[in-house]
Amino acid sequence: MEFFSETRAALLESDPRKKGALVEQLYTNLKQNKLTFDHDAPVSLFEQPSYAPIVQIVRPRDVPKRRHFDNREGQGILLHAIAHIEYSAIDLALDSAYRFRHMPREYYRDWIEVADDEVRHFRMLEELMKKAGVRYGDYPVHTALFDAGKKSGKDILERMAVIPRYLEANGLDANPKIIRKLRNSPPDAMLDAIAEALEVILEEEVVHVAKGDRWFKYVCAQRGIDPSVYFEIIERFYPGMEKRHPQLNIEARRAAGFACEELKRMGAEKCE
């Protein structure tokens, strides 16, 4: 079995159950050294997300708003939105492993491990969606994460900056806010279960961002570039976003590899 062809097969699969099984088998085979690596094999470009056949795709502004968590419909919308992020994260991790060649073996293991984690997150949310009477695909979704992956797919330095170090790191800031809102709501078993799931995801996403930080800095070192180029990259992709980081999760970002000088440049008043 060849690593890149197996990764491509998992990436293209749209059925969540089949995709999860393919990722698990891929990760198992990788850990057991059952895969060969043909770094010179052609790289396919993906023009549409793998989930396109099973969901309705709309503009971001047309996605149902996550506002009311005190009823099953609001909870279902929240769970569906987070599940879509996790599904998209599976593909982004697979794509990062598939697209970029001639990296150390640890690079590929890191991103397949991330994909395996995201599969577990998706399944955890899927179980909660069932309790809320919702299935993945019941609500429309947007392609913002897929689009970001596509735009950052030409250069591994840009990919590591944009996806794990920017977008996923932003999730480290946003996740605690949702958890607090859920915990501050009137007692509800479903809200408690959602909060617990988000706490698991938050803890493990710190590790995912740290992997992106590791490989971002690895490529910077290989090219003789100062890691501060991160801000130039983000400004190029998201103009004006450098300091738009309200309520930074300093602890999580520090654990993921961000330096205090970076966080202060993003607007942090205190950092140790």
Protein backbone atom coordinates (compact mmCIF):
# COMPACT_ATOMS: atom_id res chain seq x y z
CA MET A 1 0.00 0.00 0.00
CA GLU A 2 1.21 3.47 -0.91
CA PHE A 3 0.72 6.36 1.52
CA PHE A 4 -0.30 9.17 -0.85
CA SER A 5 -2.81 7.09 -2.81
CA GLU A 6 -4.39 5.82 0.43
CA THR A 7 -4.53 9.36 1.82
CA ARG A 8 -6.15 10.61 -1.39
CA ALA A 9 -8.80 7.87 -1.18
CA ALA A 10 -9.70 8.91 2.38
CA LEU A 11 -9.76 12.56 1.37
CA LEU A 12 -12.13 11.99 -1.56
CA GLU A 13 -14.60 9.85 0.40
CA SER A 14 -17.77 11.80 1.20
CA ASP A 15 -19.58 9.33 3.47
CA PRO A 16 -18.52 10.16 7.05
CA ARG A 17 -18.57 6.53 8.20
CA LYS A 18 -16.48 5.29 5.29
CA LYS A 19 -14.13 8.27 5.56
CA GLY A 20 -13.62 7.59 9.27
CA ALA A 21 -12.85 3.93 8.63
CA LEU A 22 -10.35 4.82 5.90
CA VAL A 23 -8.59 7.31 8.16
CA GLU A 24 -8.39 4.83 11.02
CA GLN A 25 -6.95 2.13 8.75
CA LEU A 26 -4.50 4.60 7.24
CA TYR A 27 -3.30 5.66 10.68
CA THR A 28 -2.96 2.05 11.82
CA ASN A 29 -0.98 1.09 8.70
CA LEU A 30 1.24 4.14 9.12
CA LYS A 31 2.03 3.31 12.74
CA GLN A 32 2.80 -0.28 11.77
CA ASN A 33 5.10 0.81 8.90
CA LYS A 34 2.96 -0.96 6.30
CA LEU A 35 3.00 1.92 3.82
CA THR A 36 5.47 2.96 1.13
CA PHE A 37 5.96 6.61 0.13
CA ASP A 38 6.08 7.57 -3.54
CA HIS A 39 6.96 11.26 -3.18
CA ASP A 40 7.15 11.70 -6.94
CA ALA A 41 3.60 10.51 -7.62
CA PRO A 42 1.36 13.18 -9.23
CA VAL A 43 -0.53 15.50 -6.89
CA SER A 44 -4.22 15.93 -7.71
CA LEU A 45 -5.93 19.27 -7.17
CA PHE A 46 -9.33 19.15 -5.48
CA GLU A 47 -11.83 21.58 -6.98
CA GLN A 48 -14.70 20.85 -4.59
CA PRO A 49 -14.94 19.65 -0.99
CA SER A 50 -15.55 15.96 -0.38
CA TYR A 51 -18.77 16.75 1.50
CA ALA A 52 -20.34 18.45 -1.54
CA PRO A 53 -22.46 15.38 -2.51
CA ILE A 54 -24.11 15.07 0.92
CA VAL A 55 -24.80 18.65 2.07
CA GLN A 56 -26.26 21.84 0.68
CA ILE A 57 -23.57 24.48 0.21
CA VAL A 58 -24.50 28.14 0.68
CA ARG A 59 -22.76 31.45 1.32
CA PRO A 60 -21.50 31.92 4.89
CA ARG A 61 -24.14 34.55 5.60
CA ASP A 62 -26.88 32.08 4.68
CA VAL A 63 -25.85 29.41 7.18
CA PRO A 64 -28.29 29.14 10.14
CA LYS A 65 -27.18 31.35 13.00
CA ARG A 66 -25.98 29.77 16.24
CA ARG A 67 -27.93 31.85 18.72
CA HIS A 68 -30.41 29.99 20.92
CA PHE A 69 -29.18 26.98 22.85
CA ASP A 70 -32.25 26.57 25.09
CA ASN A 71 -34.15 24.40 22.61
CA ARG A 72 -33.39 21.31 20.54
CA GLU A 73 -33.42 23.20 17.25
CA GLY A 74 -30.81 25.67 18.46
CA GLN A 75 -28.73 22.87 19.91
CA GLY A 76 -28.99 20.95 16.64
CA ILE A 77 -27.83 23.97 14.65
CA LEU A 78 -24.86 24.45 17.01
CA LEU A 79 -23.87 20.78 16.86
CA HIS A 80 -24.21 20.67 13.09
CA ALA A 81 -22.02 23.74 12.67
CA ILE A 82 -19.29 22.33 14.91
CA ALA A 83 -19.53 18.91 13.25
CA HIS A 84 -19.02 20.58 9.89
CA ILE A 85 -15.88 22.26 11.20
CA GLU A 86 -14.60 18.88 12.39
CA TYR A 87 -15.45 17.18 9.08
CA SER A 88 -13.64 19.96 7.24
CA ALA A 89 -10.69 19.57 9.61
CA ILE A 90 -10.43 15.87 8.71
CA ASP A 91 -9.98 16.83 5.07
CA LEU A 92 -7.58 19.67 5.80
CA ALA A 93 -5.33 17.34 7.79
CA LEU A 94 -5.47 14.70 5.04
CA ASP A 95 -4.78 17.31 2.39
CA SER A 96 -1.78 18.64 4.30
CA ALA A 97 -0.40 15.09 4.39
CA TYR A 98 -1.23 14.37 0.75
CA ARG A 99 -0.29 17.61 -0.97
CA PHE A 100 3.19 18.34 0.39
CA ARG A 101 5.95 15.88 -0.47
CA HIS A 102 9.53 15.19 0.62
CA MET A 103 8.90 16.06 4.25
CA PRO A 104 10.17 14.01 7.22
CA ARG A 105 8.14 10.91 8.07
CA GLU A 106 7.07 12.54 11.34
CA TYR A 107 5.28 15.24 9.36
CA TYR A 108 2.96 12.71 7.73
CA ARG A 109 2.35 10.87 10.97
CA ASP A 110 1.44 14.15 12.68
CA TRP A 111 -1.24 15.06 10.14
CA ILE A 112 -2.74 11.59 9.89
CA GLU A 113 -2.90 11.56 13.68
CA VAL A 114 -4.72 14.90 13.53
CA ALA A 115 -7.15 13.48 10.94
CA ASP A 116 -7.77 10.51 13.24
CA ASP A 117 -8.51 12.87 16.15
CA GLU A 118 -10.91 14.89 13.99
CA VAL A 119 -12.75 11.71 13.00
CA ARG A 120 -13.25 10.94 16.68
CA HIS A 121 -14.48 14.50 17.29
CA PHE A 122 -16.94 14.24 14.41
CA ARG A 123 -18.31 10.94 15.72
CA MET A 124 -18.69 12.39 19.20
CA LEU A 125 -20.72 15.28 17.80
CA GLU A 126 -22.66 12.95 15.50
CA GLU A 127 -23.89 10.99 18.54
CA LEU A 128 -25.07 14.21 20.15
CA MET A 129 -26.74 15.28 16.92
CA LYS A 130 -28.72 12.03 16.91
CA LYS A 131 -30.02 12.84 20.38
CA ALA A 132 -31.05 16.27 19.10
CA GLY A 133 -32.80 14.65 16.11
CA VAL A 134 -30.27 15.99 13.59
CA ARG A 135 -28.09 14.31 10.97
CA TYR A 136 -25.07 15.77 9.18
CA GLY A 137 -26.49 17.36 6.05
CA ASP A 138 -29.76 18.51 7.61
CA TYR A 139 -28.57 22.13 7.58
CA PRO A 140 -26.71 24.01 4.84
CA VAL A 141 -22.98 24.65 5.24
CA HIS A 142 -20.35 26.97 3.80
CA THR A 143 -16.96 26.16 2.29
CA ALA A 144 -14.81 28.73 4.11
CA LEU A 145 -12.35 26.17 5.49
CA PHE A 146 -12.11 24.31 2.19
CA ASP A 147 -11.51 27.62 0.38
CA ALA A 148 -8.76 28.55 2.84
CA GLY A 149 -7.13 25.17 2.31
CA LYS A 150 -7.33 25.55 -1.44
CA LYS A 151 -5.84 29.04 -1.40
CA SER A 152 -3.00 27.97 0.89
CA GLY A 153 -2.29 24.77 -1.03
CA LYS A 154 0.59 26.01 -3.17
CA ASP A 155 3.12 26.46 -0.37
CA ILE A 156 3.52 24.42 2.80
CA LEU A 157 4.67 27.52 4.70
CA GLU A 158 1.41 29.29 3.83
CA ARG A 159 -0.63 26.19 4.68
CA MET A 160 0.91 25.82 8.13
CA ALA A 161 0.46 29.53 8.80
CA VAL A 162 -3.11 29.86 7.55
CA ILE A 163 -4.79 26.64 8.70
CA PRO A 164 -3.36 25.50 12.06
CA ARG A 165 -1.64 28.70 13.19
CA TYR A 166 -4.39 31.13 12.20
CA LEU A 167 -7.78 29.48 11.70
CA GLU A 168 -7.43 26.61 14.17
CA ALA A 169 -5.75 28.89 16.69
CA ASN A 170 -8.71 31.26 16.40
CA GLY A 171 -10.82 28.30 17.47
CA LEU A 172 -8.80 28.15 20.69
CA ASP A 173 -10.12 31.65 21.41
CA ALA A 174 -13.72 31.00 20.35
CA ASN A 175 -14.30 27.60 21.93
CA PRO A 176 -14.13 28.74 25.60
CA LYS A 177 -16.71 31.45 24.90
CA ILE A 178 -19.22 28.87 23.66
CA ILE A 179 -18.43 26.59 26.61
CA ARG A 180 -19.06 29.45 29.06
CA LYS A 181 -22.37 30.27 27.38
CA LEU A 182 -23.44 26.63 27.60
CA ARG A 183 -22.33 26.32 31.23
CA ASN A 184 -24.14 29.55 32.17
CA SER A 185 -27.42 28.41 30.62
CA PRO A 186 -30.23 26.88 32.70
CA PRO A 187 -29.50 23.24 33.64
CA ASP A 188 -29.88 20.92 30.66
CA ALA A 189 -28.31 17.49 30.12
CA MET A 190 -27.77 18.14 26.41
CA LEU A 191 -26.00 21.44 27.03
CA ASP A 192 -23.75 19.74 29.57
CA ALA A 193 -22.91 17.01 27.04
CA ILE A 194 -22.13 19.58 24.33
CA ALA A 195 -19.91 21.54 26.73
CA GLU A 196 -18.04 18.37 27.70
CA ALA A 197 -17.48 17.52 24.03
CA LEU A 198 -16.18 21.01 23.34
CA GLU A 199 -13.80 20.77 26.30
CA VAL A 200 -12.32 17.57 24.84
CA ILE A 201 -12.02 19.21 21.43
CA LEU A 202 -10.38 22.33 22.89
CA GLU A 203 -7.75 20.31 24.73
CA GLU A 204 -6.85 18.27 21.66
CA GLU A 205 -6.94 21.24 19.29
CA VAL A 206 -4.11 22.79 21.29
CA VAL A 207 -2.01 19.80 20.22
CA HIS A 208 -3.11 20.21 16.60
CA VAL A 209 -2.13 23.88 16.54
CA ALA A 210 1.19 22.91 18.15
CA LYS A 211 1.85 20.48 15.29
CA GLY A 212 1.20 23.26 12.79
CA ASP A 213 3.48 25.56 14.77
CA ARG A 214 6.21 22.91 14.74
CA TRP A 215 6.14 22.41 10.98
CA PHE A 216 5.73 26.11 10.25
CA LYS A 217 8.92 26.81 12.18
CA TYR A 218 10.62 23.77 10.61
CA VAL A 219 10.01 25.14 7.11
CA CYS A 220 11.09 28.63 8.20
CA ALA A 221 14.37 27.16 9.46
CA GLN A 222 14.83 25.14 6.26
CA ARG A 223 14.41 28.30 4.18
CA GLY A 224 16.32 30.62 6.50
CA ILE A 225 13.22 32.74 7.16
CA ASP A 226 12.32 34.40 10.45
CA PRO A 227 9.03 33.00 11.83
CA SER A 228 7.69 36.56 12.03
CA VAL A 229 6.87 36.07 8.32
CA TYR A 230 3.66 34.58 9.76
CA PHE A 231 2.18 38.06 10.02
CA GLU A 232 3.01 38.88 6.41
CA ILE A 233 1.31 35.70 5.27
CA ILE A 234 -1.83 36.33 7.33
CA GLU A 235 -2.03 39.92 6.13
CA ARG A 236 -1.84 38.65 2.56
CA PHE A 237 -4.66 36.15 3.10
CA TYR A 238 -6.75 38.14 5.58
CA PRO A 239 -5.95 41.87 5.23
CA GLY A 240 -6.35 43.85 8.43
CA MET A 241 -6.73 40.80 10.67
CA GLU A 242 -3.39 40.97 12.50
CA LYS A 243 -4.80 42.56 15.66
CA ARG A 244 -8.41 41.46 15.42
CA HIS A 245 -8.08 38.89 18.17
CA PRO A 246 -10.45 39.84 21.00
CA GLN A 247 -10.07 37.79 24.18
CA LEU A 248 -7.04 35.77 23.15
CA ASN A 249 -6.74 32.41 24.89
CA ILE A 250 -3.21 33.16 26.05
CA GLU A 251 -2.71 29.92 27.95
CA ALA A 252 -3.82 27.71 25.06
CA ARG A 253 -1.88 29.66 22.46
CA ARG A 254 1.28 29.60 24.57
CA ALA A 255 0.90 25.83 24.98
CA ALA A 256 0.53 25.57 21.19
CA GLY A 257 3.82 27.39 20.58
CA PHE A 258 2.97 31.07 20.21
CA ALA A 259 5.58 33.41 21.66
CA CYS A 260 4.59 36.29 23.93
CA GLU A 261 5.91 38.83 21.43
CA GLU A 262 3.55 37.38 18.83
CA LEU A 263 0.58 37.48 21.16
CA LYS A 264 1.31 41.08 22.17
CA ARG A 265 1.46 41.97 18.49
CA MET A 266 -2.02 40.43 18.20
CA GLY A 267 -3.26 42.63 21.01
CA ALA A 268 -2.55 40.74 24.22
CA GLU A 269 -1.95 43.15 27.09
CA LYS A 270 -0.28 40.60 29.35
CA CYS A 271 1.72 37.50 28.53
CA GLU A 272 4.26 35.54 30.52
